[in-house]
């Protein structure tokens, strides 16, 4: 899986390729190549990053942190500082 910065860079590349061919700054076979490269960049960004996976990992970290906090508070053998 790519990092979030890598995915943002691929979205920017895809936009640039689509912009070049869509505004007719490049024409002919070069525009076709830009369209193909834009599609490849967009699909690789979408396939290598999932906001759902990121949300689930954040949720799992938060849940494990809460469990650690509950365990440390509920330990009867732990010494308390006063």
PDB file of N, CA and C in Angstrom:
ATOM      1  N   UNK A   1       0.836  -1.169   0.000  1.00  0.00           N
ATOM      2  CA  UNK A   1       0.000   0.000   0.000  1.00  0.00           C
ATOM      3  C   UNK A   1       0.879   1.228   0.000  1.00  0.00           C
ATOM      4  N   UNK A   2       0.506   2.220  -0.744  1.00  0.00           N
ATOM      5  CA  UNK A   2       1.260   3.468  -0.813  1.00  0.00           C
ATOM      6  C   UNK A   2       0.948   4.347   0.384  1.00  0.00           C
ATOM      7  N   UNK A   3       1.867   5.250   0.661  1.00  0.00           N
ATOM      8  CA  UNK A   3       1.583   6.240   1.699  1.00  0.00           C
ATOM      9  C   UNK A   3       0.604   7.260   1.134  1.00  0.00           C
ATOM     10  N   UNK A   4       0.075   8.055   1.992  1.00  0.00           N
ATOM     11  CA  UNK A   4      -0.901   9.050   1.550  1.00  0.00           C
ATOM     12  C   UNK A   4      -0.259  10.069   0.607  1.00  0.00           C
ATOM     13  N   UNK A   5       0.994  10.442   0.875  1.00  0.00           N
ATOM     14  CA  UNK A   5       1.680  11.396   0.010  1.00  0.00           C
ATOM     15  C   UNK A   5       1.912  10.825  -1.387  1.00  0.00           C
ATOM     16  N   UNK A   6       2.243   9.540  -1.464  1.00  0.00           N
ATOM     17  CA  UNK A   6       2.433   8.895  -2.757  1.00  0.00           C
ATOM     18  C   UNK A   6       1.158   8.859  -3.576  1.00  0.00           C
ATOM     19  N   UNK A   7       0.053   8.646  -2.903  1.00  0.00           N
ATOM     20  CA  UNK A   7      -1.236   8.613  -3.592  1.00  0.00           C
ATOM     21  C   UNK A   7      -1.614  10.006  -4.081  1.00  0.00           C
ATOM     22  N   UNK A   8      -1.368  11.007  -3.275  1.00  0.00           N
ATOM     23  CA  UNK A   8      -1.670  12.381  -3.692  1.00  0.00           C
ATOM     24  C   UNK A   8      -0.837  12.758  -4.908  1.00  0.00           C
ATOM     25  N   UNK A   9       0.428  12.343  -4.932  1.00  0.00           N
ATOM     26  CA  UNK A   9       1.280  12.616  -6.086  1.00  0.00           C
ATOM     27  C   UNK A   9       0.727  11.938  -7.336  1.00  0.00           C
ATOM     28  N   UNK A  10       0.234  10.721  -7.197  1.00  0.00           N
ATOM     29  CA  UNK A  10      -0.331  10.029  -8.368  1.00  0.00           C
ATOM     30  C   UNK A  10      -1.611  10.688  -8.847  1.00  0.00           C
ATOM     31  N   UNK A  11      -2.430  11.201  -7.928  1.00  0.00           N
ATOM     32  CA  UNK A  11      -3.614  11.944  -8.348  1.00  0.00           C
ATOM     33  C   UNK A  11      -3.218  13.203  -9.108  1.00  0.00           C
ATOM     34  N   UNK A  12      -2.173  13.876  -8.655  1.00  0.00           N
ATOM     35  CA  UNK A  12      -1.708  15.081  -9.338  1.00  0.00           C
ATOM     36  C   UNK A  12      -1.191  14.742 -10.729  1.00  0.00           C
ATOM     37  N   UNK A  13      -0.418  13.657 -10.848  1.00  0.00           N
ATOM     38  CA  UNK A  13       0.053  13.228 -12.168  1.00  0.00           C
ATOM     39  C   UNK A  13      -1.121  12.907 -13.089  1.00  0.00           C
ATOM     40  N   UNK A  14      -2.115  12.211 -12.578  1.00  0.00           N
ATOM     41  CA  UNK A  14      -3.281  11.867 -13.388  1.00  0.00           C
ATOM     42  C   UNK A  14      -3.983  13.128 -13.865  1.00  0.00           C
ATOM     43  N   UNK A  15      -4.158  14.094 -12.965  1.00  0.00           N
ATOM     44  CA  UNK A  15      -4.798  15.350 -13.348  1.00  0.00           C
ATOM     45  C   UNK A  15      -3.995  16.065 -14.428  1.00  0.00           C
ATOM     46  N   UNK A  16      -2.669  16.102 -14.268  1.00  0.00           N
ATOM     47  CA  UNK A  16      -1.826  16.777 -15.263  1.00  0.00           C
ATOM     48  C   UNK A  16      -1.938  16.112 -16.633  1.00  0.00           C
ATOM     49  N   UNK A  17      -1.914  14.790 -16.676  1.00  0.00           N
ATOM     50  CA  UNK A  17      -2.044  14.088 -17.951  1.00  0.00           C
ATOM     51  C   UNK A  17      -3.395  14.345 -18.593  1.00  0.00           C
ATOM     52  N   UNK A  18      -4.459  14.302 -17.798  1.00  0.00           N
ATOM     53  CA  UNK A  18      -5.789  14.567 -18.341  1.00  0.00           C
ATOM     54  C   UNK A  18      -5.916  16.021 -18.783  1.00  0.00           C
ATOM     55  N   UNK A  19      -5.311  16.924 -18.040  1.00  0.00           N
ATOM     56  CA  UNK A  19      -5.369  18.341 -18.385  1.00  0.00           C
ATOM     57  C   UNK A  19      -4.673  18.599 -19.717  1.00  0.00           C
ATOM     58  N   UNK A  20      -3.496  17.982 -19.906  1.00  0.00           N
ATOM     59  CA  UNK A  20      -2.759  18.181 -21.156  1.00  0.00           C
ATOM     60  C   UNK A  20      -3.567  17.707 -22.365  1.00  0.00           C
ATOM     61  N   UNK A  21      -4.147  16.534 -22.267  1.00  0.00           N
ATOM     62  CA  UNK A  21      -4.892  16.021 -23.416  1.00  0.00           C
ATOM     63  C   UNK A  21      -6.266  16.674 -23.536  1.00  0.00           C
ATOM     64  N   UNK A  22      -6.882  17.019 -22.425  1.00  0.00           N
ATOM     65  CA  UNK A  22      -8.227  17.610 -22.461  1.00  0.00           C
ATOM     66  C   UNK A  22      -8.254  19.030 -22.985  1.00  0.00           C
ATOM     67  N   UNK A  23      -7.226  19.798 -22.740  1.00  0.00           N
ATOM     68  CA  UNK A  23      -7.178  21.189 -23.220  1.00  0.00           C
ATOM     69  C   UNK A  23      -6.523  21.296 -24.580  1.00  0.00           C
ATOM     70  N   UNK A  24      -6.169  20.184 -25.169  1.00  0.00           N
ATOM     71  CA  UNK A  24      -5.541  20.093 -26.477  1.00  0.00           C
ATOM     72  C   UNK A  24      -4.205  20.821 -26.537  1.00  0.00           C
ATOM     73  N   UNK A  25      -3.481  20.804 -25.422  1.00  0.00           N
ATOM     74  CA  UNK A  25      -2.117  21.307 -25.434  1.00  0.00           C
ATOM     75  C   UNK A  25      -1.218  20.337 -26.187  1.00  0.00           C
ATOM     76  N   UNK A  26      -1.587  19.064 -26.136  1.00  0.00           N
ATOM     77  CA  UNK A  26      -0.940  18.041 -26.947  1.00  0.00           C
ATOM     78  C   UNK A  26      -2.026  17.376 -27.784  1.00  0.00           C
ATOM     79  N   UNK A  27      -1.692  16.996 -28.994  1.00  0.00           N
ATOM     80  CA  UNK A  27      -2.686  16.396 -29.881  1.00  0.00           C
ATOM     81  C   UNK A  27      -2.117  15.132 -30.516  1.00  0.00           C
ATOM     82  N   UNK A  28      -2.997  14.394 -31.130  1.00  0.00           N
ATOM     83  CA  UNK A  28      -2.585  13.209 -31.862  1.00  0.00           C
ATOM     84  C   UNK A  28      -2.215  12.055 -30.955  1.00  0.00           C
ATOM     85  N   UNK A  29      -1.169  11.358 -31.351  1.00  0.00           N
ATOM     86  CA  UNK A  29      -0.764  10.170 -30.598  1.00  0.00           C
ATOM     87  C   UNK A  29      -0.220  10.537 -29.218  1.00  0.00           C
ATOM     88  N   UNK A  30       0.358  11.716 -29.092  1.00  0.00           N
ATOM     89  CA  UNK A  30       0.853  12.151 -27.778  1.00  0.00           C
ATOM     90  C   UNK A  30      -0.302  12.368 -26.802  1.00  0.00           C
ATOM     91  N   UNK A  31      -1.432  12.872 -27.299  1.00  0.00           N
ATOM     92  CA  UNK A  31      -2.612  13.031 -26.448  1.00  0.00           C
ATOM     93  C   UNK A  31      -3.152  11.667 -26.021  1.00  0.00           C
ATOM     94  N   UNK A  32      -3.094  10.700 -26.919  1.00  0.00           N
ATOM     95  CA  UNK A  32      -3.537   9.348 -26.576  1.00  0.00           C
ATOM     96  C   UNK A  32      -2.660   8.765 -25.485  1.00  0.00           C
ATOM     97  N   UNK A  33      -1.362   8.955 -25.606  1.00  0.00           N
ATOM     98  CA  UNK A  33      -0.430   8.458 -24.594  1.00  0.00           C
ATOM     99  C   UNK A  33      -0.678   9.157 -23.258  1.00  0.00           C
ATOM    100  N   UNK A  34      -0.945  10.464 -23.287  1.00  0.00           N
ATOM    101  CA  UNK A  34      -1.256  11.184 -22.044  1.00  0.00           C
ATOM    102  C   UNK A  34      -2.533  10.652 -21.405  1.00  0.00           C
ATOM    103  N   UNK A  35      -3.532  10.339 -22.206  1.00  0.00           N
ATOM    104  CA  UNK A  35      -4.772   9.775 -21.670  1.00  0.00           C
ATOM    105  C   UNK A  35      -4.543   8.415 -21.038  1.00  0.00           C
ATOM    106  N   UNK A  36      -3.725   7.595 -21.689  1.00  0.00           N
ATOM    107  CA  UNK A  36      -3.429   6.273 -21.135  1.00  0.00           C
ATOM    108  C   UNK A  36      -2.633   6.403 -19.840  1.00  0.00           C
ATOM    109  N   UNK A  37      -1.625   7.274 -19.841  1.00  0.00           N
ATOM    110  CA  UNK A  37      -0.826   7.460 -18.621  1.00  0.00           C
ATOM    111  C   UNK A  37      -1.668   8.042 -17.484  1.00  0.00           C
ATOM    112  N   UNK A  38      -2.601   8.930 -17.807  1.00  0.00           N
ATOM    113  CA  UNK A  38      -3.504   9.464 -16.795  1.00  0.00           C
ATOM    114  C   UNK A  38      -4.383   8.381 -16.194  1.00  0.00           C
ATOM    115  N   UNK A  39      -4.874   7.493 -17.035  1.00  0.00           N
ATOM    116  CA  UNK A  39      -5.703   6.388 -16.554  1.00  0.00           C
ATOM    117  C   UNK A  39      -4.894   5.441 -15.675  1.00  0.00           C
ATOM    118  N   UNK A  40      -3.663   5.137 -16.089  1.00  0.00           N
ATOM    119  CA  UNK A  40      -2.806   4.254 -15.297  1.00  0.00           C
ATOM    120  C   UNK A  40      -2.485   4.887 -13.948  1.00  0.00           C
ATOM    121  N   UNK A  41      -2.175   6.181 -13.933  1.00  0.00           N
ATOM    122  CA  UNK A  41      -1.859   6.859 -12.670  1.00  0.00           C
ATOM    123  C   UNK A  41      -3.073   6.892 -11.744  1.00  0.00           C
ATOM    124  N   UNK A  42      -4.237   7.144 -12.312  1.00  0.00           N
ATOM    125  CA  UNK A  42      -5.451   7.210 -11.500  1.00  0.00           C
ATOM    126  C   UNK A  42      -5.809   5.842 -10.925  1.00  0.00           C
ATOM    127  N   UNK A  43      -5.757   4.804 -11.746  1.00  0.00           N
ATOM    128  CA  UNK A  43      -6.117   3.485 -11.233  1.00  0.00           C
ATOM    129  C   UNK A  43      -5.102   2.976 -10.214  1.00  0.00           C
ATOM    130  N   UNK A  44      -3.819   3.271 -10.426  1.00  0.00           N
ATOM    131  CA  UNK A  44      -2.836   2.820  -9.440  1.00  0.00           C
ATOM    132  C   UNK A  44      -3.015   3.561  -8.117  1.00  0.00           C
ATOM    133  N   UNK A  45      -3.396   4.838  -8.176  1.00  0.00           N
ATOM    134  CA  UNK A  45      -3.650   5.577  -6.940  1.00  0.00           C
ATOM    135  C   UNK A  45      -4.872   5.016  -6.218  1.00  0.00           C
ATOM    136  N   UNK A  46      -5.910   4.697  -6.964  1.00  0.00           N
ATOM    137  CA  UNK A  46      -7.123   4.172  -6.336  1.00  0.00           C
ATOM    138  C   UNK A  46      -6.932   2.761  -5.797  1.00  0.00           C
ATOM    139  N   UNK A  47      -6.123   1.957  -6.478  1.00  0.00           N
ATOM    140  CA  UNK A  47      -5.934   0.579  -6.043  1.00  0.00           C
ATOM    141  C   UNK A  47      -4.940   0.434  -4.898  1.00  0.00           C
ATOM    142  N   UNK A  48      -4.010   1.368  -4.776  1.00  0.00           N
ATOM    143  CA  UNK A  48      -2.979   1.246  -3.742  1.00  0.00           C
ATOM    144  C   UNK A  48      -3.314   2.000  -2.465  1.00  0.00           C
ATOM    145  N   UNK A  49      -4.445   2.645  -2.428  1.00  0.00           N
ATOM    146  CA  UNK A  49      -4.815   3.394  -1.228  1.00  0.00           C
ATOM    147  C   UNK A  49      -6.301   3.246  -1.001  1.00  0.00           C
ATOM    148  N   UNK A  50      -6.663   2.952   0.199  1.00  0.00           N
ATOM    149  CA  UNK A  50      -8.067   2.830   0.538  1.00  0.00           C
ATOM    150  C   UNK A  50      -8.317   3.599   1.832  1.00  0.00           C
ATOM    151  N   UNK A  51      -9.149   4.603   1.792  1.00  0.00           N
ATOM    152  CA  UNK A  51      -9.476   5.320   3.022  1.00  0.00           C
ATOM    153  C   UNK A  51     -10.105   4.403   4.070  1.00  0.00           C
ATOM    154  N   UNK A  52     -10.802   3.362   3.628  1.00  0.00           N
ATOM    155  CA  UNK A  52     -11.404   2.423   4.563  1.00  0.00           C
ATOM    156  C   UNK A  52     -10.330   1.677   5.342  1.00  0.00           C
ATOM    157  N   UNK A  53      -9.260   1.253   4.667  1.00  0.00           N
ATOM    158  CA  UNK A  53      -8.170   0.557   5.348  1.00  0.00           C
ATOM    159  C   UNK A  53      -7.503   1.494   6.352  1.00  0.00           C
ATOM    160  N   UNK A  54      -7.312   2.747   5.969  1.00  0.00           N
ATOM    161  CA  UNK A  54      -6.707   3.713   6.889  1.00  0.00           C
ATOM    162  C   UNK A  54      -7.604   3.945   8.109  1.00  0.00           C
ATOM    163  N   UNK A  55      -8.903   4.060   7.892  1.00  0.00           N
ATOM    164  CA  UNK A  55      -9.845   4.256   8.994  1.00  0.00           C
ATOM    165  C   UNK A  55      -9.820   3.068   9.950  1.00  0.00           C
ATOM    166  N   UNK A  56      -9.803   1.860   9.396  1.00  0.00           N
ATOM    167  CA  UNK A  56      -9.783   0.676  10.243  1.00  0.00           C
ATOM    168  C   UNK A  56      -8.485   0.559  11.042  1.00  0.00           C
ATOM    169  N   UNK A  57      -7.362   0.950  10.449  1.00  0.00           N
ATOM    170  CA  UNK A  57      -6.096   0.889  11.198  1.00  0.00           C
ATOM    171  C   UNK A  57      -6.071   1.933  12.318  1.00  0.00           C
ATOM    172  N   UNK A  58      -6.601   3.112  12.065  1.00  0.00           N
ATOM    173  CA  UNK A  58      -6.675   4.144  13.113  1.00  0.00           C
ATOM    174  C   UNK A  58      -7.598   3.675  14.235  1.00  0.00           C
ATOM    175  N   UNK A  59      -8.713   3.070  13.853  1.00  0.00           N
ATOM    176  CA  UNK A  59      -9.668   2.568  14.854  1.00  0.00           C
ATOM    177  C   UNK A  59      -9.048   1.456  15.700  1.00  0.00           C
ATOM    178  N   UNK A  60      -8.282   0.572  15.055  1.00  0.00           N
ATOM    179  CA  UNK A  60      -7.638  -0.518  15.781  1.00  0.00           C
ATOM    180  C   UNK A  60      -6.583   0.019  16.750  1.00  0.00           C
ATOM    181  N   UNK A  61      -5.819   1.032  16.327  1.00  0.00           N
ATOM    182  CA  UNK A  61      -4.828   1.633  17.223  1.00  0.00           C
ATOM    183  C   UNK A  61      -5.512   2.284  18.424  1.00  0.00           C
ATOM    184  N   UNK A  62      -6.577   2.990  18.189  1.00  0.00           N
ATOM    185  CA  UNK A  62      -7.295   3.669  19.260  1.00  0.00           C
ATOM    186  C   UNK A  62      -7.894   2.655  20.231  1.00  0.00           C
ATOM    187  N   UNK A  63      -8.430   1.569  19.678  1.00  0.00           N
ATOM    188  CA  UNK A  63      -9.043   0.536  20.513  1.00  0.00           C
ATOM    189  C   UNK A  63      -7.995  -0.159  21.374  1.00  0.00           C
ATOM    190  N   UNK A  64      -6.825  -0.456  20.796  1.00  0.00           N
ATOM    191  CA  UNK A  64      -5.782  -1.111  21.581  1.00  0.00           C
ATOM    192  C   UNK A  64      -5.236  -0.166  22.655  1.00  0.00           C
ATOM    193  N   UNK A  65      -5.177   1.129  22.366  1.00  0.00           N
ATOM    194  CA  UNK A  65      -4.747   2.106  23.363  1.00  0.00           C
ATOM    195  C   UNK A  65      -5.715   2.202  24.525  1.00  0.00           C
ATOM    196  N   UNK A  66      -7.002   2.121  24.236  1.00  0.00           N
ATOM    197  CA  UNK A  66      -8.008   2.156  25.297  1.00  0.00           C
ATOM    198  C   UNK A  66      -7.938   0.896  26.148  1.00  0.00           C
ATOM    199  N   UNK A  67      -7.682  -0.251  25.518  1.00  0.00           N
ATOM    200  CA  UNK A  67      -7.576  -1.495  26.275  1.00  0.00           C
ATOM    201  C   UNK A  67      -6.369  -1.471  27.199  1.00  0.00           C
ATOM    202  N   UNK A  68      -5.273  -0.902  26.736  1.00  0.00           N
ATOM    203  CA  UNK A  68      -4.084  -0.786  27.591  1.00  0.00           C
ATOM    204  C   UNK A  68      -4.364   0.122  28.781  1.00  0.00           C
ATOM    205  N   UNK A  69      -5.107   1.196  28.545  1.00  0.00           N
ATOM    206  CA  UNK A  69      -5.441   2.106  29.630  1.00  0.00           C
ATOM    207  C   UNK A  69      -6.343   1.464  30.657  1.00  0.00           C
ATOM    208  N   UNK A  70      -7.283   0.663  30.219  1.00  0.00           N
ATOM    209  CA  UNK A  70      -8.192  -0.031  31.131  1.00  0.00           C
ATOM    210  C   UNK A  70      -7.426  -1.074  31.933  1.00  0.00           C
ATOM    211  N   UNK A  71      -6.516  -1.783  31.303  1.00  0.00           N
ATOM    212  CA  UNK A  71      -5.743  -2.802  32.007  1.00  0.00           C
ATOM    213  C   UNK A  71      -4.856  -2.179  33.081  1.00  0.00           C
ATOM    214  N   UNK A  72      -4.241  -1.039  32.782  1.00  0.00           N
ATOM    215  CA  UNK A  72      -3.338  -0.437  33.772  1.00  0.00           C
ATOM    216  C   UNK A  72      -4.122   0.146  34.943  1.00  0.00           C
ATOM    217  N   UNK A  73      -5.347   0.626  34.697  1.00  0.00           N
ATOM    218  CA  UNK A  73      -6.147   1.173  35.784  1.00  0.00           C
ATOM    219  C   UNK A  73      -6.744   0.064  36.638  1.00  0.00           C
ATOM    220  N   UNK A  74      -7.041  -1.060  36.049  1.00  0.00           N
ATOM    221  CA  UNK A  74      -7.700  -2.132  36.779  1.00  0.00           C
ATOM    222  C   UNK A  74      -6.738  -3.106  37.442  1.00  0.00           C
ATOM    223  N   UNK A  75      -5.452  -2.870  37.403  1.00  0.00           N
ATOM    224  CA  UNK A  75      -4.480  -3.790  37.974  1.00  0.00           C
ATOM    225  C   UNK A  75      -4.379  -3.549  39.484  1.00  0.00           C
ATOM    226  N   UNK A  76      -4.800  -4.501  40.320  1.00  0.00           N
ATOM    227  CA  UNK A  76      -4.782  -4.273  41.768  1.00  0.00           C
ATOM    228  C   UNK A  76      -3.365  -4.286  42.344  1.00  0.00           C
ATOM    229  N   UNK A  77      -2.412  -4.894  41.658  1.00  0.00           N
ATOM    230  CA  UNK A  77      -1.049  -4.950  42.183  1.00  0.00           C
ATOM    231  C   UNK A  77      -0.228  -3.721  41.834  1.00  0.00           C
ATOM    232  N   UNK A  78      -0.782  -2.808  41.066  1.00  0.00           N
ATOM    233  CA  UNK A  78      -0.012  -1.623  40.669  1.00  0.00           C
ATOM    234  C   UNK A  78       0.038  -0.622  41.818  1.00  0.00           C
ATOM    235  N   UNK A  79       1.195  -0.020  41.996  1.00  0.00           N
ATOM    236  CA  UNK A  79       1.356   0.998  43.051  1.00  0.00           C
ATOM    237  C   UNK A  79       0.835   2.330  42.546  1.00  0.00           C
ATOM    238  N   UNK A  80       0.159   3.042  43.422  1.00  0.00           N
ATOM    239  CA  UNK A  80      -0.361   4.345  43.056  1.00  0.00           C
ATOM    240  C   UNK A  80       0.502   5.432  43.671  1.00  0.00           C
ATOM    241  N   UNK A  81       0.711   6.483  42.879  1.00  0.00           N
ATOM    242  CA  UNK A  81       1.464   7.633  43.370  1.00  0.00           C
ATOM    243  C   UNK A  81       0.486   8.677  43.900  1.00  0.00           C
ATOM    244  N   UNK A  82       0.763   9.176  45.061  1.00  0.00           N
ATOM    245  CA  UNK A  82      -0.127  10.190  45.630  1.00  0.00           C
ATOM    246  C   UNK A  82       0.664  11.398  46.064  1.00  0.00           C
TER     247      UNK A  82
END
